[in-house]
Amino acid sequence: MSKASASTKEKDQEEAYSNFKKLVNMSASQLEKWLKTEESKNTGWDSGDGEAIGHKMGKHIVDILGKKKTDLTDDDYTHMHKVYSYISRHKAQKPSGDVSKTKWNYSLKNWGYDYSKS
């Protein structure tokens, strides 16, 4: 890999890390506890094996949150970018009224964002 492409990759990873840290506002233990709830398990699109895509992503986010920055893989950075993109898009689609017990809120929580903390 050339120096220029290595530098671009590092910048992209730093941006993904920074954006991820800005939006994921649940700790690994909070997210792990949430993922055990029925609301979490019953929210989102099935990934094809009976588990929702967001629920699977939540597990990956717990894994990422448990790592030191120096231990993050290219795959982790790719997932961080997906998490940031999803949370950003989903927040923009906020329904009106009390969202505390909505699939919209539960889905965001599966992706590591607790709207009640904002």
PDB file of N, CA and C in Angstrom:
ATOM      1  N   MET A   1       0.851  -1.183   0.000  1.00  0.00           N
ATOM      2  CA  MET A   1       0.000   0.000   0.000  1.00  0.00           C
ATOM      3  C   MET A   1       0.891   1.239   0.000  1.00  0.00           C
ATOM      4  N   SER A   2       0.561   2.193  -0.833  1.00  0.00           N
ATOM      5  CA  SER A   2       1.360   3.415  -0.912  1.00  0.00           C
ATOM      6  C   SER A   2       1.101   4.286   0.309  1.00  0.00           C
ATOM      7  N   LYS A   3       2.002   5.240   0.499  1.00  0.00           N
ATOM      8  CA  LYS A   3       1.838   6.156   1.637  1.00  0.00           C
ATOM      9  C   LYS A   3       0.549   6.961   1.519  1.00  0.00           C
ATOM     10  N   ALA A   4       0.224   7.370   0.303  1.00  0.00           N
ATOM     11  CA  ALA A   4      -0.990   8.166   0.097  1.00  0.00           C
ATOM     12  C   ALA A   4      -2.240   7.362   0.447  1.00  0.00           C
ATOM     13  N   SER A   5      -2.303   6.104  -0.018  1.00  0.00           N
ATOM     14  CA  SER A   5      -3.489   5.303   0.276  1.00  0.00           C
ATOM     15  C   SER A   5      -3.533   4.903   1.748  1.00  0.00           C
ATOM     16  N   ALA A   6      -2.354   4.696   2.355  1.00  0.00           N
ATOM     17  CA  ALA A   6      -2.323   4.402   3.798  1.00  0.00           C
ATOM     18  C   ALA A   6      -2.826   5.603   4.577  1.00  0.00           C
ATOM     19  N   SER A   7      -2.439   6.778   4.155  1.00  0.00           N
ATOM     20  CA  SER A   7      -2.873   8.010   4.822  1.00  0.00           C
ATOM     21  C   SER A   7      -4.379   8.209   4.678  1.00  0.00           C
ATOM     22  N   THR A   8      -4.912   7.946   3.492  1.00  0.00           N
ATOM     23  CA  THR A   8      -6.353   8.061   3.261  1.00  0.00           C
ATOM     24  C   THR A   8      -7.100   7.054   4.124  1.00  0.00           C
ATOM     25  N   LYS A   9      -6.595   5.836   4.189  1.00  0.00           N
ATOM     26  CA  LYS A   9      -7.222   4.799   5.009  1.00  0.00           C
ATOM     27  C   LYS A   9      -7.227   5.215   6.477  1.00  0.00           C
ATOM     28  N   GLU A  10      -6.112   5.743   6.947  1.00  0.00           N
ATOM     29  CA  GLU A  10      -6.030   6.195   8.342  1.00  0.00           C
ATOM     30  C   GLU A  10      -7.016   7.323   8.609  1.00  0.00           C
ATOM     31  N   LYS A  11      -7.141   8.252   7.675  1.00  0.00           N
ATOM     32  CA  LYS A  11      -8.097   9.362   7.839  1.00  0.00           C
ATOM     33  C   LYS A  11      -9.528   8.829   7.871  1.00  0.00           C
ATOM     34  N   ASP A  12      -9.834   7.904   6.973  1.00  0.00           N
ATOM     35  CA  ASP A  12     -11.178   7.312   6.934  1.00  0.00           C
ATOM     36  C   ASP A  12     -11.485   6.581   8.234  1.00  0.00           C
ATOM     37  N   GLN A  13     -10.501   5.843   8.738  1.00  0.00           N
ATOM     38  CA  GLN A  13     -10.706   5.111   9.982  1.00  0.00           C
ATOM     39  C   GLN A  13     -10.856   6.075  11.162  1.00  0.00           C
ATOM     40  N   GLU A  14     -10.089   7.122  11.177  1.00  0.00           N
ATOM     41  CA  GLU A  14     -10.199   8.098  12.264  1.00  0.00           C
ATOM     42  C   GLU A  14     -11.564   8.772  12.235  1.00  0.00           C
ATOM     43  N   GLU A  15     -12.045   9.076  11.039  1.00  0.00           N
ATOM     44  CA  GLU A  15     -13.376   9.685  10.903  1.00  0.00           C
ATOM     45  C   GLU A  15     -14.459   8.706  11.359  1.00  0.00           C
ATOM     46  N   ALA A  16     -14.348   7.437  10.970  1.00  0.00           N
ATOM     47  CA  ALA A  16     -15.316   6.423  11.379  1.00  0.00           C
ATOM     48  C   ALA A  16     -15.318   6.277  12.900  1.00  0.00           C
ATOM     49  N   TYR A  17     -14.141   6.257  13.487  1.00  0.00           N
ATOM     50  CA  TYR A  17     -14.006   6.119  14.943  1.00  0.00           C
ATOM     51  C   TYR A  17     -14.634   7.321  15.657  1.00  0.00           C
ATOM     52  N   SER A  18     -14.305   8.509  15.201  1.00  0.00           N
ATOM     53  CA  SER A  18     -14.819   9.735  15.810  1.00  0.00           C
ATOM     54  C   SER A  18     -16.345   9.808  15.709  1.00  0.00           C
ATOM     55  N   ASN A  19     -16.889   9.527  14.531  1.00  0.00           N
ATOM     56  CA  ASN A  19     -18.336   9.560  14.336  1.00  0.00           C
ATOM     57  C   ASN A  19     -19.035   8.506  15.182  1.00  0.00           C
ATOM     58  N   PHE A  20     -18.457   7.316  15.244  1.00  0.00           N
ATOM     59  CA  PHE A  20     -18.998   6.228  16.056  1.00  0.00           C
ATOM     60  C   PHE A  20     -19.069   6.658  17.518  1.00  0.00           C
ATOM     61  N   LYS A  21     -17.979   7.219  18.015  1.00  0.00           N
ATOM     62  CA  LYS A  21     -17.920   7.642  19.418  1.00  0.00           C
ATOM     63  C   LYS A  21     -18.900   8.781  19.709  1.00  0.00           C
ATOM     64  N   LYS A  22     -19.170   9.623  18.706  1.00  0.00           N
ATOM     65  CA  LYS A  22     -20.118  10.730  18.885  1.00  0.00           C
ATOM     66  C   LYS A  22     -21.543  10.227  19.046  1.00  0.00           C
ATOM     67  N   LEU A  23     -21.905   9.193  18.299  1.00  0.00           N
ATOM     68  CA  LEU A  23     -23.303   8.766  18.276  1.00  0.00           C
ATOM     69  C   LEU A  23     -23.628   7.575  19.169  1.00  0.00           C
ATOM     70  N   VAL A  24     -22.722   6.654  19.332  1.00  0.00           N
ATOM     71  CA  VAL A  24     -23.004   5.499  20.191  1.00  0.00           C
ATOM     72  C   VAL A  24     -22.892   5.991  21.634  1.00  0.00           C
ATOM     73  N   ASN A  25     -24.036   6.094  22.295  1.00  0.00           N
ATOM     74  CA  ASN A  25     -24.052   6.675  23.644  1.00  0.00           C
ATOM     75  C   ASN A  25     -24.412   5.658  24.721  1.00  0.00           C
ATOM     76  N   MET A  26     -24.377   4.389  24.365  1.00  0.00           N
ATOM     77  CA  MET A  26     -24.604   3.332  25.347  1.00  0.00           C
ATOM     78  C   MET A  26     -23.274   2.632  25.612  1.00  0.00           C
ATOM     79  N   SER A  27     -23.052   2.274  26.847  1.00  0.00           N
ATOM     80  CA  SER A  27     -21.839   1.532  27.178  1.00  0.00           C
ATOM     81  C   SER A  27     -22.028   0.079  26.730  1.00  0.00           C
ATOM     82  N   ALA A  28     -20.932  -0.653  26.701  1.00  0.00           N
ATOM     83  CA  ALA A  28     -21.018  -2.066  26.324  1.00  0.00           C
ATOM     84  C   ALA A  28     -21.975  -2.812  27.253  1.00  0.00           C
ATOM     85  N   SER A  29     -21.896  -2.549  28.546  1.00  0.00           N
ATOM     86  CA  SER A  29     -22.770  -3.266  29.488  1.00  0.00           C
ATOM     87  C   SER A  29     -24.233  -2.851  29.332  1.00  0.00           C
ATOM     88  N   GLN A  30     -24.502  -1.573  29.072  1.00  0.00           N
ATOM     89  CA  GLN A  30     -25.881  -1.124  28.846  1.00  0.00           C
ATOM     90  C   GLN A  30     -26.457  -1.788  27.585  1.00  0.00           C
ATOM     91  N   LEU A  31     -25.659  -1.818  26.538  1.00  0.00           N
ATOM     92  CA  LEU A  31     -26.119  -2.401  25.280  1.00  0.00           C
ATOM     93  C   LEU A  31     -26.311  -3.912  25.427  1.00  0.00           C
ATOM     94  N   GLU A  32     -25.396  -4.559  26.098  1.00  0.00           N
ATOM     95  CA  GLU A  32     -25.511  -6.001  26.323  1.00  0.00           C
ATOM     96  C   GLU A  32     -26.802  -6.331  27.079  1.00  0.00           C
ATOM     97  N   LYS A  33     -27.098  -5.536  28.102  1.00  0.00           N
ATOM     98  CA  LYS A  33     -28.328  -5.734  28.892  1.00  0.00           C
ATOM     99  C   LYS A  33     -29.558  -5.511  28.000  1.00  0.00           C
ATOM    100  N   TRP A  34     -29.548  -4.448  27.193  1.00  0.00           N
ATOM    101  CA  TRP A  34     -30.657  -4.142  26.299  1.00  0.00           C
ATOM    102  C   TRP A  34     -30.892  -5.279  25.303  1.00  0.00           C
ATOM    103  N   LEU A  35     -29.808  -5.831  24.755  1.00  0.00           N
ATOM    104  CA  LEU A  35     -29.930  -6.875  23.741  1.00  0.00           C
ATOM    105  C   LEU A  35     -30.588  -8.149  24.268  1.00  0.00           C
ATOM    106  N   LYS A  36     -30.659  -8.302  25.576  1.00  0.00           N
ATOM    107  CA  LYS A  36     -31.302  -9.475  26.183  1.00  0.00           C
ATOM    108  C   LYS A  36     -32.812  -9.306  26.315  1.00  0.00           C
ATOM    109  N   THR A  37     -33.324  -8.094  26.071  1.00  0.00           N
ATOM    110  CA  THR A  37     -34.753  -7.837  26.243  1.00  0.00           C
ATOM    111  C   THR A  37     -35.554  -8.356  25.045  1.00  0.00           C
ATOM    112  N   GLU A  38     -36.830  -8.639  25.304  1.00  0.00           N
ATOM    113  CA  GLU A  38     -37.728  -9.062  24.225  1.00  0.00           C
ATOM    114  C   GLU A  38     -37.908  -7.948  23.199  1.00  0.00           C
ATOM    115  N   GLU A  39     -37.972  -6.694  23.667  1.00  0.00           N
ATOM    116  CA  GLU A  39     -38.131  -5.559  22.744  1.00  0.00           C
ATOM    117  C   GLU A  39     -36.983  -5.526  21.742  1.00  0.00           C
ATOM    118  N   SER A  40     -35.794  -5.762  22.234  1.00  0.00           N
ATOM    119  CA  SER A  40     -34.622  -5.749  21.356  1.00  0.00           C
ATOM    120  C   SER A  40     -34.685  -6.893  20.353  1.00  0.00           C
ATOM    121  N   LYS A  41     -35.003  -8.068  20.844  1.00  0.00           N
ATOM    122  CA  LYS A  41     -35.002  -9.257  19.984  1.00  0.00           C
ATOM    123  C   LYS A  41     -36.103  -9.229  18.936  1.00  0.00           C
ATOM    124  N   ASN A  42     -37.191  -8.510  19.210  1.00  0.00           N
ATOM    125  CA  ASN A  42     -38.348  -8.494  18.314  1.00  0.00           C
ATOM    126  C   ASN A  42     -38.434  -7.248  17.451  1.00  0.00           C
ATOM    127  N   THR A  43     -37.329  -6.547  17.282  1.00  0.00           N
ATOM    128  CA  THR A  43     -37.321  -5.317  16.498  1.00  0.00           C
ATOM    129  C   THR A  43     -36.360  -5.461  15.324  1.00  0.00           C
ATOM    130  N   GLY A  44     -36.815  -5.062  14.152  1.00  0.00           N
ATOM    131  CA  GLY A  44     -35.932  -5.022  12.991  1.00  0.00           C
ATOM    132  C   GLY A  44     -36.183  -6.137  11.998  1.00  0.00           C
ATOM    133  N   TRP A  45     -35.433  -6.039  10.902  1.00  0.00           N
ATOM    134  CA  TRP A  45     -35.558  -6.993   9.800  1.00  0.00           C
ATOM    135  C   TRP A  45     -34.743  -8.232  10.085  1.00  0.00           C
ATOM    136  N   ASP A  46     -35.331  -9.368   9.816  1.00  0.00           N
ATOM    137  CA  ASP A  46     -34.664 -10.657   9.982  1.00  0.00           C
ATOM    138  C   ASP A  46     -33.472 -10.726   9.023  1.00  0.00           C
ATOM    139  N   SER A  47     -32.366 -11.180   9.529  1.00  0.00           N
ATOM    140  CA  SER A  47     -31.163 -11.285   8.705  1.00  0.00           C
ATOM    141  C   SER A  47     -31.140 -12.568   7.885  1.00  0.00           C
ATOM    142  N   GLY A  48     -32.171 -13.394   8.045  1.00  0.00           N
ATOM    143  CA  GLY A  48     -32.245 -14.634   7.296  1.00  0.00           C
ATOM    144  C   GLY A  48     -32.079 -15.866   8.164  1.00  0.00           C
ATOM    145  N   ASP A  49     -31.656 -15.652   9.397  1.00  0.00           N
ATOM    146  CA  ASP A  49     -31.462 -16.791  10.301  1.00  0.00           C
ATOM    147  C   ASP A  49     -32.301 -16.673  11.569  1.00  0.00           C
ATOM    148  N   GLY A  50     -33.297 -15.774  11.542  1.00  0.00           N
ATOM    149  CA  GLY A  50     -34.167 -15.614  12.697  1.00  0.00           C
ATOM    150  C   GLY A  50     -33.744 -14.497  13.633  1.00  0.00           C
ATOM    151  N   GLU A  51     -32.563 -13.933  13.429  1.00  0.00           N
ATOM    152  CA  GLU A  51     -32.089 -12.821  14.266  1.00  0.00           C
ATOM    153  C   GLU A  51     -32.086 -11.549  13.434  1.00  0.00           C
ATOM    154  N   ALA A  52     -32.590 -10.474  14.021  1.00  0.00           N
ATOM    155  CA  ALA A  52     -32.662  -9.194  13.308  1.00  0.00           C
ATOM    156  C   ALA A  52     -31.270  -8.641  13.026  1.00  0.00           C
ATOM    157  N   ILE A  53     -31.160  -7.938  11.918  1.00  0.00           N
ATOM    158  CA  ILE A  53     -29.891  -7.327  11.511  1.00  0.00           C
ATOM    159  C   ILE A  53     -29.367  -6.408  12.614  1.00  0.00           C
ATOM    160  N   GLY A  54     -30.233  -5.549  13.158  1.00  0.00           N
ATOM    161  CA  GLY A  54     -29.812  -4.616  14.204  1.00  0.00           C
ATOM    162  C   GLY A  54     -29.371  -5.319  15.474  1.00  0.00           C
ATOM    163  N   HIS A  55     -30.014  -6.436  15.795  1.00  0.00           N
ATOM    164  CA  HIS A  55     -29.636  -7.193  16.990  1.00  0.00           C
ATOM    165  C   HIS A  55     -28.229  -7.758  16.809  1.00  0.00           C
ATOM    166  N   LYS A  56     -27.955  -8.278  15.616  1.00  0.00           N
ATOM    167  CA  LYS A  56     -26.602  -8.774  15.319  1.00  0.00           C
ATOM    168  C   LYS A  56     -25.586  -7.634  15.396  1.00  0.00           C
ATOM    169  N   MET A  57     -25.969  -6.485  14.833  1.00  0.00           N
ATOM    170  CA  MET A  57     -25.057  -5.345  14.855  1.00  0.00           C
ATOM    171  C   MET A  57     -24.794  -4.923  16.291  1.00  0.00           C
ATOM    172  N   GLY A  58     -25.811  -4.975  17.129  1.00  0.00           N
ATOM    173  CA  GLY A  58     -25.625  -4.626  18.534  1.00  0.00           C
ATOM    174  C   GLY A  58     -24.551  -5.475  19.189  1.00  0.00           C
ATOM    175  N   LYS A  59     -24.549  -6.763  18.876  1.00  0.00           N
ATOM    176  CA  LYS A  59     -23.530  -7.655  19.423  1.00  0.00           C
ATOM    177  C   LYS A  59     -22.142  -7.251  18.943  1.00  0.00           C
ATOM    178  N   HIS A  60     -22.052  -6.868  17.672  1.00  0.00           N
ATOM    179  CA  HIS A  60     -20.763  -6.432  17.123  1.00  0.00           C
ATOM    180  C   HIS A  60     -20.326  -5.122  17.790  1.00  0.00           C
ATOM    181  N   ILE A  61     -21.274  -4.242  18.054  1.00  0.00           N
ATOM    182  CA  ILE A  61     -20.956  -2.970  18.719  1.00  0.00           C
ATOM    183  C   ILE A  61     -20.430  -3.240  20.128  1.00  0.00           C
ATOM    184  N   VAL A  62     -21.042  -4.171  20.851  1.00  0.00           N
ATOM    185  CA  VAL A  62     -20.545  -4.539  22.187  1.00  0.00           C
ATOM    186  C   VAL A  62     -19.094  -4.982  22.080  1.00  0.00           C
ATOM    187  N   ASP A  63     -18.797  -5.795  21.069  1.00  0.00           N
ATOM    188  CA  ASP A  63     -17.430  -6.269  20.840  1.00  0.00           C
ATOM    189  C   ASP A  63     -16.483  -5.093  20.569  1.00  0.00           C
ATOM    190  N   ILE A  64     -16.902  -4.183  19.709  1.00  0.00           N
ATOM    191  CA  ILE A  64     -16.074  -3.012  19.378  1.00  0.00           C
ATOM    192  C   ILE A  64     -15.832  -2.165  20.627  1.00  0.00           C
ATOM    193  N   LEU A  65     -16.886  -1.928  21.407  1.00  0.00           N
ATOM    194  CA  LEU A  65     -16.749  -1.103  22.612  1.00  0.00           C
ATOM    195  C   LEU A  65     -15.802  -1.738  23.635  1.00  0.00           C
ATOM    196  N   GLY A  66     -15.645  -3.035  23.566  1.00  0.00           N
ATOM    197  CA  GLY A  66     -14.771  -3.729  24.500  1.00  0.00           C
ATOM    198  C   GLY A  66     -13.312  -3.757  24.094  1.00  0.00           C
ATOM    199  N   LYS A  67     -13.022  -3.211  22.921  1.00  0.00           N
ATOM    200  CA  LYS A  67     -11.644  -3.233  22.419  1.00  0.00           C
ATOM    201  C   LYS A  67     -10.931  -1.910  22.664  1.00  0.00           C
ATOM    202  N   LYS A  68      -9.611  -2.008  22.771  1.00  0.00           N
ATOM    203  CA  LYS A  68      -8.778  -0.809  22.748  1.00  0.00           C
ATOM    204  C   LYS A  68      -8.720  -0.351  21.300  1.00  0.00           C
ATOM    205  N   LYS A  69      -8.541   0.928  21.104  1.00  0.00           N
ATOM    206  CA  LYS A  69      -8.488   1.469  19.746  1.00  0.00           C
ATOM    207  C   LYS A  69      -7.407   0.767  18.914  1.00  0.00           C
ATOM    208  N   THR A  70      -6.303   0.455  19.532  1.00  0.00           N
ATOM    209  CA  THR A  70      -5.196  -0.189  18.806  1.00  0.00           C
ATOM    210  C   THR A  70      -5.529  -1.620  18.376  1.00  0.00           C
ATOM    211  N   ASP A  71      -6.580  -2.211  18.942  1.00  0.00           N
ATOM    212  CA  ASP A  71      -6.963  -3.581  18.604  1.00  0.00           C
ATOM    213  C   ASP A  71      -8.083  -3.661  17.568  1.00  0.00           C
ATOM    214  N   LEU A  72      -8.567  -2.507  17.122  1.00  0.00           N
ATOM    215  CA  LEU A  72      -9.653  -2.493  16.145  1.00  0.00           C
ATOM    216  C   LEU A  72      -9.160  -2.985  14.788  1.00  0.00           C
ATOM    217  N   THR A  73     -10.019  -3.747  14.109  1.00  0.00           N
ATOM    218  CA  THR A  73      -9.679  -4.297  12.792  1.00  0.00           C
ATOM    219  C   THR A  73     -10.320  -3.456  11.685  1.00  0.00           C
ATOM    220  N   ASP A  74      -9.919  -3.728  10.459  1.00  0.00           N
ATOM    221  CA  ASP A  74     -10.550  -3.052   9.321  1.00  0.00           C
ATOM    222  C   ASP A  74     -12.051  -3.329   9.312  1.00  0.00           C
ATOM    223  N   ASP A  75     -12.438  -4.554   9.648  1.00  0.00           N
ATOM    224  CA  ASP A  75     -13.852  -4.922   9.725  1.00  0.00           C
ATOM    225  C   ASP A  75     -14.584  -4.084  10.781  1.00  0.00           C
ATOM    226  N   ASP A  76     -13.928  -3.847  11.919  1.00  0.00           N
ATOM    227  CA  ASP A  76     -14.528  -3.015  12.968  1.00  0.00           C
ATOM    228  C   ASP A  76     -14.782  -1.607  12.447  1.00  0.00           C
ATOM    229  N   TYR A  77     -13.809  -1.047  11.727  1.00  0.00           N
ATOM    230  CA  TYR A  77     -13.980   0.303  11.194  1.00  0.00           C
ATOM    231  C   TYR A  77     -15.110   0.348  10.169  1.00  0.00           C
ATOM    232  N   THR A  78     -15.237  -0.698   9.368  1.00  0.00           N
ATOM    233  CA  THR A  78     -16.340  -0.774   8.409  1.00  0.00           C
ATOM    234  C   THR A  78     -17.671  -0.787   9.152  1.00  0.00           C
ATOM    235  N   HIS A  79     -17.759  -1.568  10.229  1.00  0.00           N
ATOM    236  CA  HIS A  79     -18.982  -1.610  11.029  1.00  0.00           C
ATOM    237  C   HIS A  79     -19.250  -0.272  11.713  1.00  0.00           C
ATOM    238  N   MET A  80     -18.215   0.393  12.194  1.00  0.00           N
ATOM    239  CA  MET A  80     -18.408   1.705  12.828  1.00  0.00           C
ATOM    240  C   MET A  80     -19.023   2.687  11.847  1.00  0.00           C
ATOM    241  N   HIS A  81     -18.563   2.648  10.602  1.00  0.00           N
ATOM    242  CA  HIS A  81     -19.116   3.535   9.582  1.00  0.00           C
ATOM    243  C   HIS A  81     -20.596   3.204   9.341  1.00  0.00           C
ATOM    244  N   LYS A  82     -20.935   1.910   9.271  1.00  0.00           N
ATOM    245  CA  LYS A  82     -22.333   1.497   9.087  1.00  0.00           C
ATOM    246  C   LYS A  82     -23.195   1.968  10.254  1.00  0.00           C
ATOM    247  N   VAL A  83     -22.662   1.850  11.463  1.00  0.00           N
ATOM    248  CA  VAL A  83     -23.407   2.258  12.662  1.00  0.00           C
ATOM    249  C   VAL A  83     -23.696   3.753  12.610  1.00  0.00           C
ATOM    250  N   TYR A  84     -22.681   4.546  12.317  1.00  0.00           N
ATOM    251  CA  TYR A  84     -22.859   5.996  12.229  1.00  0.00           C
ATOM    252  C   TYR A  84     -23.901   6.347  11.159  1.00  0.00           C
ATOM    253  N   SER A  85     -23.773   5.730   9.995  1.00  0.00           N
ATOM    254  CA  SER A  85     -24.706   6.026   8.896  1.00  0.00           C
ATOM    255  C   SER A  85     -26.137   5.650   9.271  1.00  0.00           C
ATOM    256  N   TYR A  86     -26.308   4.476   9.870  1.00  0.00           N
ATOM    257  CA  TYR A  86     -27.645   4.025  10.238  1.00  0.00           C
ATOM    258  C   TYR A  86     -28.264   4.942  11.291  1.00  0.00           C
ATOM    259  N   ILE A  87     -27.524   5.218  12.351  1.00  0.00           N
ATOM    260  CA  ILE A  87     -28.066   6.062  13.428  1.00  0.00           C
ATOM    261  C   ILE A  87     -28.421   7.439  12.881  1.00  0.00           C
ATOM    262  N   SER A  88     -27.548   8.015  12.058  1.00  0.00           N
ATOM    263  CA  SER A  88     -27.813   9.342  11.493  1.00  0.00           C
ATOM    264  C   SER A  88     -29.106   9.352  10.677  1.00  0.00           C
ATOM    265  N   ARG A  89     -29.263   8.354   9.811  1.00  0.00           N
ATOM    266  CA  ARG A  89     -30.470   8.269   8.971  1.00  0.00           C
ATOM    267  C   ARG A  89     -31.709   8.022   9.822  1.00  0.00           C
ATOM    268  N   HIS A  90     -31.601   7.098  10.745  1.00  0.00           N
ATOM    269  CA  HIS A  90     -32.762   6.706  11.551  1.00  0.00           C
ATOM    270  C   HIS A  90     -33.224   7.843  12.473  1.00  0.00           C
ATOM    271  N   LYS A  91     -32.289   8.574  13.049  1.00  0.00           N
ATOM    272  CA  LYS A  91     -32.654   9.717  13.904  1.00  0.00           C
ATOM    273  C   LYS A  91     -33.447  10.747  13.116  1.00  0.00           C
ATOM    274  N   ALA A  92     -33.099  10.925  11.848  1.00  0.00           N
ATOM    275  CA  ALA A  92     -33.773  11.922  11.006  1.00  0.00           C
ATOM    276  C   ALA A  92     -35.217  11.527  10.707  1.00  0.00           C
ATOM    277  N   GLN A  93     -35.581  10.281  10.967  1.00  0.00           N
ATOM    278  CA  GLN A  93     -36.936   9.796  10.692  1.00  0.00           C
ATOM    279  C   GLN A  93     -37.774   9.691  11.961  1.00  0.00           C
ATOM    280  N   LYS A  94     -37.437  10.466  12.968  1.00  0.00           N
ATOM    281  CA  LYS A  94     -38.117  10.398  14.263  1.00  0.00           C
ATOM    282  C   LYS A  94     -39.616  10.646  14.108  1.00  0.00           C
ATOM    283  N   PRO A  95     -40.427   9.719  14.611  1.00  0.00           N
ATOM    284  CA  PRO A  95     -41.875   9.945  14.575  1.00  0.00           C
ATOM    285  C   PRO A  95     -42.283  10.997  15.608  1.00  0.00           C
ATOM    286  N   SER A  96     -43.460  11.537  15.457  1.00  0.00           N
ATOM    287  CA  SER A  96     -43.925  12.530  16.421  1.00  0.00           C
ATOM    288  C   SER A  96     -44.439  11.829  17.675  1.00  0.00           C
ATOM    289  N   GLY A  97     -44.513  12.590  18.730  1.00  0.00           N
ATOM    290  CA  GLY A  97     -45.058  12.064  19.983  1.00  0.00           C
ATOM    291  C   GLY A  97     -44.019  11.365  20.830  1.00  0.00           C
ATOM    292  N   ASP A  98     -44.516  10.631  21.806  1.00  0.00           N
ATOM    293  CA  ASP A  98     -43.656   9.897  22.727  1.00  0.00           C
ATOM    294  C   ASP A  98     -43.062   8.694  21.992  1.00  0.00           C
ATOM    295  N   VAL A  99     -41.747   8.639  21.885  1.00  0.00           N
ATOM    296  CA  VAL A  99     -41.090   7.567  21.136  1.00  0.00           C
ATOM    297  C   VAL A  99     -40.517   6.479  22.047  1.00  0.00           C
ATOM    298  N   SER A 100     -40.708   6.614  23.351  1.00  0.00           N
ATOM    299  CA  SER A 100     -40.038   5.719  24.292  1.00  0.00           C
ATOM    300  C   SER A 100     -40.353   4.233  24.074  1.00  0.00           C
ATOM    301  N   LYS A 101     -41.568   3.909  23.657  1.00  0.00           N
ATOM    302  CA  LYS A 101     -41.941   2.495  23.486  1.00  0.00           C
ATOM    303  C   LYS A 101     -42.273   2.188  22.029  1.00  0.00           C
ATOM    304  N   THR A 102     -41.436   2.707  21.140  1.00  0.00           N
ATOM    305  CA  THR A 102     -41.661   2.498  19.710  1.00  0.00           C
ATOM    306  C   THR A 102     -40.555   1.644  19.103  1.00  0.00           C
ATOM    307  N   LYS A 103     -40.885   0.983  17.997  1.00  0.00           N
ATOM    308  CA  LYS A 103     -39.878   0.209  17.260  1.00  0.00           C
ATOM    309  C   LYS A 103     -38.744   1.125  16.803  1.00  0.00           C
ATOM    310  N   TRP A 104     -39.077   2.386  16.501  1.00  0.00           N
ATOM    311  CA  TRP A 104     -38.062   3.364  16.092  1.00  0.00           C
ATOM    312  C   TRP A 104     -36.996   3.485  17.189  1.00  0.00           C
ATOM    313  N   ASN A 105     -37.422   3.665  18.410  1.00  0.00           N
ATOM    314  CA  ASN A 105     -36.506   3.802  19.541  1.00  0.00           C
ATOM    315  C   ASN A 105     -35.759   2.493  19.804  1.00  0.00           C
ATOM    316  N   TYR A 106     -36.473   1.388  19.774  1.00  0.00           N
ATOM    317  CA  TYR A 106     -35.850   0.095  20.040  1.00  0.00           C
ATOM    318  C   TYR A 106     -34.778  -0.218  18.998  1.00  0.00           C
ATOM    319  N   SER A 107     -35.057   0.132  17.756  1.00  0.00           N
ATOM    320  CA  SER A 107     -34.083  -0.109  16.695  1.00  0.00           C
ATOM    321  C   SER A 107     -32.807   0.701  16.936  1.00  0.00           C
ATOM    322  N   LEU A 108     -32.967   1.961  17.296  1.00  0.00           N
ATOM    323  CA  LEU A 108     -31.793   2.791  17.592  1.00  0.00           C
ATOM    324  C   LEU A 108     -30.986   2.206  18.749  1.00  0.00           C
ATOM    325  N   LYS A 109     -31.680   1.724  19.756  1.00  0.00           N
ATOM    326  CA  LYS A 109     -30.980   1.125  20.899  1.00  0.00           C
ATOM    327  C   LYS A 109     -30.194  -0.107  20.475  1.00  0.00           C
ATOM    328  N   ASN A 110     -30.755  -0.913  19.563  1.00  0.00           N
ATOM    329  CA  ASN A 110     -30.023  -2.074  19.071  1.00  0.00           C
ATOM    330  C   ASN A 110     -28.705  -1.667  18.419  1.00  0.00           C
ATOM    331  N   TRP A 111     -28.664  -0.458  17.896  1.00  0.00           N
ATOM    332  CA  TRP A 111     -27.465   0.052  17.223  1.00  0.00           C
ATOM    333  C   TRP A 111     -26.620   0.923  18.168  1.00  0.00           C
ATOM    334  N   GLY A 112     -26.942   0.900  19.461  1.00  0.00           N
ATOM    335  CA  GLY A 112     -26.094   1.567  20.459  1.00  0.00           C
ATOM    336  C   GLY A 112     -26.433   3.005  20.767  1.00  0.00           C
ATOM    337  N   TYR A 113     -27.596   3.468  20.292  1.00  0.00           N
ATOM    338  CA  TYR A 113     -27.989   4.860  20.531  1.00  0.00           C
ATOM    339  C   TYR A 113     -29.276   4.885  21.363  1.00  0.00           C
ATOM    340  N   ASP A 114     -29.185   5.458  22.547  1.00  0.00           N
ATOM    341  CA  ASP A 114     -30.355   5.609  23.429  1.00  0.00           C
ATOM    342  C   ASP A 114     -30.867   7.029  23.296  1.00  0.00           C
ATOM    343  N   TYR A 115     -32.005   7.166  22.599  1.00  0.00           N
ATOM    344  CA  TYR A 115     -32.573   8.496  22.337  1.00  0.00           C
ATOM    345  C   TYR A 115     -32.866   9.260  23.620  1.00  0.00           C
ATOM    346  N   SER A 116     -33.215   8.563  24.688  1.00  0.00           N
ATOM    347  CA  SER A 116     -33.561   9.247  25.944  1.00  0.00           C
ATOM    348  C   SER A 116     -32.355   9.956  26.563  1.00  0.00           C
ATOM    349  N   LYS A 117     -31.168   9.637  26.110  1.00  0.00           N
ATOM    350  CA  LYS A 117     -29.955  10.285  26.625  1.00  0.00           C
ATOM    351  C   LYS A 117     -29.590  11.551  25.862  1.00  0.00           C
ATOM    352  N   SER A 118     -30.293  11.821  24.764  1.00  0.00           N
ATOM    353  CA  SER A 118     -29.906  12.967  23.930  1.00  0.00           C
ATOM    354  C   SER A 118     -30.454  14.267  24.456  1.00  0.00           C
TER     355      SER A 118
END
